[in-house]
Amino acid sequence: MREKTEKQRKKRFEKVYEQVGLFASILILRDRETGIEYLWCREGESGGLTPLLGCDGKPSRSLGASFEE
């Protein structure tokens, strides 16, 4: 079995924010390669993912601190 490279071991997305309820959850994820943030919402059996947009309509980029579990 081949050894995984450093890039393969590192997860592409990191959790920036998490809010979890009984039937719903909201996450903000950041793509480590592009810095673009995404909003993931789930309620019951459905959910959706969308990029966060700034006032100018362009995807929001962040290099700030990540969520600590």
C-alpha atoms as a PDB file:
ATOM      1  CA  MET A   1       0.000   0.000   0.000  1.00  0.00           C
ATOM      2  CA  ARG A   2       1.380   3.411  -0.972  1.00  0.00           C
ATOM      3  CA  GLU A   3       1.916   6.143   1.555  1.00  0.00           C
ATOM      4  CA  LYS A   4      -0.448   9.137   1.163  1.00  0.00           C
ATOM      5  CA  THR A   5       1.141  12.447   0.244  1.00  0.00           C
ATOM      6  CA  GLU A   6       0.862  15.465   2.542  1.00  0.00           C
ATOM      7  CA  LYS A   7      -1.727  17.037   0.207  1.00  0.00           C
ATOM      8  CA  GLN A   8      -3.885  13.892   0.293  1.00  0.00           C
ATOM      9  CA  ARG A   9      -3.801  13.819   4.115  1.00  0.00           C
ATOM     10  CA  LYS A  10      -4.824  17.460   4.473  1.00  0.00           C
ATOM     11  CA  LYS A  11      -8.571  18.005   4.164  1.00  0.00           C
ATOM     12  CA  ARG A  12      -9.582  20.521   1.503  1.00  0.00           C
ATOM     13  CA  PHE A  13     -12.438  22.044   3.528  1.00  0.00           C
ATOM     14  CA  GLU A  14     -12.310  23.287   7.096  1.00  0.00           C
ATOM     15  CA  LYS A  15     -15.203  24.082   9.411  1.00  0.00           C
ATOM     16  CA  VAL A  16     -15.354  27.793  10.280  1.00  0.00           C
ATOM     17  CA  TYR A  17     -18.705  27.875  12.113  1.00  0.00           C
ATOM     18  CA  GLU A  18     -21.265  25.321  13.270  1.00  0.00           C
ATOM     19  CA  GLN A  19     -24.763  25.673  14.709  1.00  0.00           C
ATOM     20  CA  VAL A  20     -26.627  22.439  15.350  1.00  0.00           C
ATOM     21  CA  GLY A  21     -30.226  21.996  16.417  1.00  0.00           C
ATOM     22  CA  LEU A  22     -32.461  18.975  16.873  1.00  0.00           C
ATOM     23  CA  PHE A  23     -33.512  18.702  13.214  1.00  0.00           C
ATOM     24  CA  ALA A  24     -31.399  21.372  11.521  1.00  0.00           C
ATOM     25  CA  SER A  25     -27.771  22.402  11.230  1.00  0.00           C
ATOM     26  CA  ILE A  26     -25.840  25.273   9.691  1.00  0.00           C
ATOM     27  CA  LEU A  27     -22.164  25.111   8.776  1.00  0.00           C
ATOM     28  CA  ILE A  28     -19.783  27.581   7.207  1.00  0.00           C
ATOM     29  CA  LEU A  29     -16.981  25.780   5.405  1.00  0.00           C
ATOM     30  CA  ARG A  30     -13.834  27.281   3.907  1.00  0.00           C
ATOM     31  CA  ASP A  31     -12.016  25.841   0.900  1.00  0.00           C
ATOM     32  CA  ARG A  32      -8.363  25.758   1.964  1.00  0.00           C
ATOM     33  CA  GLU A  33      -7.154  26.068  -1.635  1.00  0.00           C
ATOM     34  CA  THR A  34      -9.247  29.060  -2.755  1.00  0.00           C
ATOM     35  CA  GLY A  35     -10.266  30.671   0.569  1.00  0.00           C
ATOM     36  CA  ILE A  36     -13.910  30.794  -0.588  1.00  0.00           C
ATOM     37  CA  GLU A  37     -16.504  30.229   2.138  1.00  0.00           C
ATOM     38  CA  TYR A  38     -19.651  28.133   1.687  1.00  0.00           C
ATOM     39  CA  LEU A  39     -22.880  27.947   3.679  1.00  0.00           C
ATOM     40  CA  TRP A  40     -24.290  24.451   4.240  1.00  0.00           C
ATOM     41  CA  CYS A  41     -27.825  24.215   5.681  1.00  0.00           C
ATOM     42  CA  ARG A  42     -29.626  21.004   6.523  1.00  0.00           C
ATOM     43  CA  GLU A  43     -33.129  20.540   7.843  1.00  0.00           C
ATOM     44  CA  GLY A  44     -34.616  17.072   8.179  1.00  0.00           C
ATOM     45  CA  GLU A  45     -33.819  15.037   5.065  1.00  0.00           C
ATOM     46  CA  SER A  46     -32.893  17.973   2.805  1.00  0.00           C
ATOM     47  CA  GLY A  47     -30.057  20.450   2.614  1.00  0.00           C
ATOM     48  CA  GLY A  48     -28.123  22.759   0.372  1.00  0.00           C
ATOM     49  CA  LEU A  49     -24.710  24.285  -0.231  1.00  0.00           C
ATOM     50  CA  THR A  50     -24.034  27.770  -1.613  1.00  0.00           C
ATOM     51  CA  PRO A  51     -21.050  30.118  -1.658  1.00  0.00           C
ATOM     52  CA  LEU A  52     -21.251  33.111   0.669  1.00  0.00           C
ATOM     53  CA  LEU A  53     -21.308  36.347  -1.329  1.00  0.00           C
ATOM     54  CA  GLY A  54     -20.028  39.781  -0.375  1.00  0.00           C
ATOM     55  CA  CYS A  55     -21.774  43.129  -1.023  1.00  0.00           C
ATOM     56  CA  ASP A  56     -20.241  43.205  -4.496  1.00  0.00           C
ATOM     57  CA  GLY A  57     -21.780  39.822  -5.402  1.00  0.00           C
ATOM     58  CA  LYS A  58     -18.412  38.052  -5.486  1.00  0.00           C
ATOM     59  CA  PRO A  59     -17.656  34.958  -3.376  1.00  0.00           C
ATOM     60  CA  SER A  60     -16.522  35.749   0.155  1.00  0.00           C
ATOM     61  CA  ARG A  61     -12.896  34.879   0.889  1.00  0.00           C
ATOM     62  CA  SER A  62     -11.448  34.555   4.344  1.00  0.00           C
ATOM     63  CA  LEU A  63      -8.110  33.688   5.850  1.00  0.00           C
ATOM     64  CA  GLY A  64      -9.310  33.979   9.463  1.00  0.00           C
ATOM     65  CA  ALA A  65      -9.284  31.486  12.306  1.00  0.00           C
ATOM     66  CA  SER A  66     -11.186  28.232  11.966  1.00  0.00           C
ATOM     67  CA  PHE A  67     -13.801  26.688  14.254  1.00  0.00           C
ATOM     68  CA  GLU A  68     -12.389  24.656  17.134  1.00  0.00           C
ATOM     69  CA  GLU A  69     -14.338  21.590  18.242  1.00  0.00           C
END
